[in-house]
């Protein structure tokens, strides 16, 4: 490749929308630009992957993740299972936003589970925090889906052979 770049290969000049010719680009210039973009994208992906690697993250899972209310229901009434895991022993607290009475802490564990009975009408956010409750380490939302009664109008009138 480098031997090819030492030669002066020219690409046919192109014209901009104003009609002014742009200076011709060599194949090496285009190749260098493309390689620069690929290297930059690879670096960004590596930097992002280091923080999102599954082996480095604390995972929080809740079940169920969705509560569906029918038209006659006012609130969800479910048993929620929360579980977490970490690559090494951690001291963590599971908290429920808006419900200060619900808090479960573990000290020097690599995983934990918590089961509780809840009644609620709005989305609930579960968070794993450090023992001082300042840093959020993982978060999951239990969503409430309300059944929407929709009256569908037909797009056209049905036809009848006997009319």
Protein backbone atom coordinates (compact mmCIF):
# COMPACT_ATOMS: atom_id res chain seq x y z
CA UNK A 1 0.00 0.00 0.00
CA UNK A 2 2.73 2.43 0.91
CA UNK A 3 4.45 1.77 -2.41
CA UNK A 4 1.23 2.68 -4.19
CA UNK A 5 0.96 5.91 -2.19
CA UNK A 6 4.40 7.02 -3.30
CA UNK A 7 3.15 7.13 -6.88
CA UNK A 8 1.07 10.07 -7.87
CA UNK A 9 -2.28 8.51 -8.73
CA UNK A 10 -4.85 11.13 -9.56
CA UNK A 11 -8.61 10.76 -9.55
CA UNK A 12 -10.67 12.61 -12.13
CA UNK A 13 -11.61 16.09 -10.84
CA UNK A 14 -15.17 16.59 -9.69
CA UNK A 15 -17.25 19.72 -9.63
CA UNK A 16 -19.06 21.19 -6.65
CA UNK A 17 -22.67 22.31 -6.85
CA UNK A 18 -21.53 25.89 -7.65
CA UNK A 19 -19.69 24.63 -10.72
CA UNK A 20 -16.20 25.39 -9.37
CA UNK A 21 -13.82 22.49 -9.81
CA UNK A 22 -12.41 21.02 -6.63
CA UNK A 23 -8.75 20.10 -6.58
CA UNK A 24 -8.20 16.45 -7.51
CA UNK A 25 -7.69 14.00 -4.68
CA UNK A 26 -5.17 11.24 -4.88
CA UNK A 27 -6.11 7.68 -4.14
CA UNK A 28 -3.75 7.83 -1.17
CA UNK A 29 -5.55 10.86 0.27
CA UNK A 30 -8.87 9.06 0.05
CA UNK A 31 -7.40 5.89 1.49
CA UNK A 32 -5.80 7.78 4.39
CA UNK A 33 -9.10 9.54 5.12
CA UNK A 34 -11.02 6.26 5.12
CA UNK A 35 -8.44 4.60 7.38
CA UNK A 36 -8.57 7.56 9.76
CA UNK A 37 -12.34 7.28 10.05
CA UNK A 38 -12.16 3.52 10.63
CA UNK A 39 -9.50 3.95 13.32
CA UNK A 40 -11.53 6.65 15.06
CA UNK A 41 -14.65 4.47 15.02
CA UNK A 42 -12.69 1.49 16.34
CA UNK A 43 -11.23 3.59 19.15
CA UNK A 44 -14.66 4.92 20.14
CA UNK A 45 -16.11 1.41 20.17
CA UNK A 46 -13.23 0.13 22.31
CA UNK A 47 -13.60 3.00 24.77
CA UNK A 48 -17.36 2.46 25.04
CA UNK A 49 -16.99 -1.32 25.31
CA UNK A 50 -14.64 -1.06 28.27
CA UNK A 51 -17.33 0.46 30.46
CA UNK A 52 -20.21 -1.65 29.11
CA UNK A 53 -18.47 -5.01 29.29
CA UNK A 54 -20.79 -7.57 30.88
CA UNK A 55 -18.02 -8.89 33.15
CA UNK A 56 -17.47 -5.48 34.76
CA UNK A 57 -21.08 -4.46 35.41
CA UNK A 58 -23.46 -5.06 38.26
CA UNK A 59 -26.66 -6.53 36.85
CA UNK A 60 -30.14 -5.99 38.25
CA UNK A 61 -33.15 -7.95 37.03
CA UNK A 62 -36.76 -7.70 38.11
CA UNK A 63 -39.67 -9.96 37.35
CA UNK A 64 -42.25 -9.13 36.16
CA UNK A 65 -41.08 -6.09 34.20
CA UNK A 66 -44.57 -5.09 33.09
CA UNK A 67 -47.94 -4.88 34.82
CA UNK A 68 -51.00 -4.62 32.57
CA UNK A 69 -54.13 -3.06 34.00
CA UNK A 70 -57.51 -3.74 32.48
CA UNK A 71 -60.07 -0.96 32.16
CA UNK A 72 -61.68 -1.90 35.49
CA UNK A 73 -58.40 -2.19 37.47
CA UNK A 74 -57.09 0.77 39.45
CA UNK A 75 -53.69 -0.58 40.49
CA UNK A 76 -51.31 -3.48 40.10
CA UNK A 77 -51.16 -6.11 42.82
CA UNK A 78 -48.12 -8.33 42.15
CA UNK A 79 -45.28 -10.20 43.78
CA UNK A 80 -42.00 -8.80 42.45
CA UNK A 81 -38.73 -10.76 42.41
CA UNK A 82 -35.56 -8.65 42.23
CA UNK A 83 -32.16 -10.25 41.79
CA UNK A 84 -28.72 -8.81 41.25
CA UNK A 85 -25.24 -10.12 40.55
CA UNK A 86 -21.76 -8.61 40.52
CA UNK A 87 -18.38 -9.89 39.35
CA UNK A 88 -16.96 -9.55 42.90
CA UNK A 89 -18.31 -9.10 46.43
CA UNK A 90 -20.12 -5.79 46.88
CA UNK A 91 -22.00 -3.94 49.58
CA UNK A 92 -25.26 -2.75 48.00
CA UNK A 93 -28.76 -1.60 48.83
CA UNK A 94 -31.86 -2.18 46.73
CA UNK A 95 -34.23 0.78 46.99
CA UNK A 96 -37.55 1.59 45.43
CA UNK A 97 -37.94 5.22 44.36
CA UNK A 98 -40.87 6.92 46.03
CA UNK A 99 -41.11 4.20 48.66
CA UNK A 100 -38.56 4.94 51.41
CA UNK A 101 -39.91 2.12 53.59
CA UNK A 102 -38.67 -0.45 51.04
CA UNK A 103 -34.91 -0.92 51.34
CA UNK A 104 -32.88 -4.14 51.41
CA UNK A 105 -29.10 -4.10 51.87
CA UNK A 106 -26.38 -6.73 51.47
CA UNK A 107 -22.83 -6.48 52.75
CA UNK A 108 -19.99 -8.24 50.90
CA UNK A 109 -22.09 -10.41 48.58
CA UNK A 110 -21.67 -11.18 44.87
CA UNK A 111 -25.40 -11.70 44.33
CA UNK A 112 -28.70 -11.27 46.08
CA UNK A 113 -32.46 -11.72 45.70
CA UNK A 114 -35.43 -9.99 47.22
CA UNK A 115 -39.13 -10.82 46.88
CA UNK A 116 -41.89 -8.45 47.90
CA UNK A 117 -45.61 -7.94 47.43
CA UNK A 118 -46.47 -4.55 45.93
CA UNK A 119 -49.59 -2.58 45.10
CA UNK A 120 -49.02 0.40 42.80
CA UNK A 121 -50.64 2.43 40.04
CA UNK A 122 -47.58 4.11 38.44
CA UNK A 123 -44.22 2.88 37.10
CA UNK A 124 -41.79 1.78 39.83
CA UNK A 125 -38.03 2.27 39.61
CA UNK A 126 -35.77 -0.21 41.41
CA UNK A 127 -32.21 0.94 42.05
CA UNK A 128 -29.09 -0.74 43.36
CA UNK A 129 -27.03 1.83 45.27
CA UNK A 130 -23.90 1.90 47.36
CA UNK A 131 -24.50 1.72 51.16
CA UNK A 132 -24.39 5.52 51.47
CA UNK A 133 -27.25 5.61 48.91
CA UNK A 134 -25.42 8.27 46.88
CA UNK A 135 -24.36 6.34 43.76
CA UNK A 136 -26.75 4.44 41.51
CA UNK A 137 -25.03 1.25 40.30
CA UNK A 138 -27.93 -0.35 38.41
CA UNK A 139 -31.56 0.48 37.73
CA UNK A 140 -34.67 -1.24 36.35
CA UNK A 141 -38.23 -0.01 35.84
CA UNK A 142 -41.43 -1.97 36.42
CA UNK A 143 -43.80 -0.40 33.91
CA UNK A 144 -47.58 -0.05 34.21
CA UNK A 145 -49.51 -0.47 30.99
CA UNK A 146 -53.11 0.64 31.06
CA UNK A 147 -55.59 -0.85 28.64
CA UNK A 148 -56.80 1.91 26.37
CA UNK A 149 -60.31 1.48 25.07
CA UNK A 150 -60.24 2.51 21.48
CA UNK A 151 -63.27 2.58 19.31
CA UNK A 152 -62.14 1.60 15.87
CA UNK A 153 -63.95 3.12 12.96
CA UNK A 154 -64.13 1.10 9.82
CA UNK A 155 -62.22 2.58 6.95
CA UNK A 156 -64.98 1.78 4.52
CA UNK A 157 -68.47 0.39 4.67
CA UNK A 158 -68.71 -3.36 4.17
CA UNK A 159 -70.43 -4.33 0.96
CA UNK A 160 -73.35 -6.68 0.70
CA UNK A 161 -74.12 -8.80 -2.35
CA UNK A 162 -77.86 -8.81 -1.62
CA UNK A 163 -78.40 -5.03 -1.52
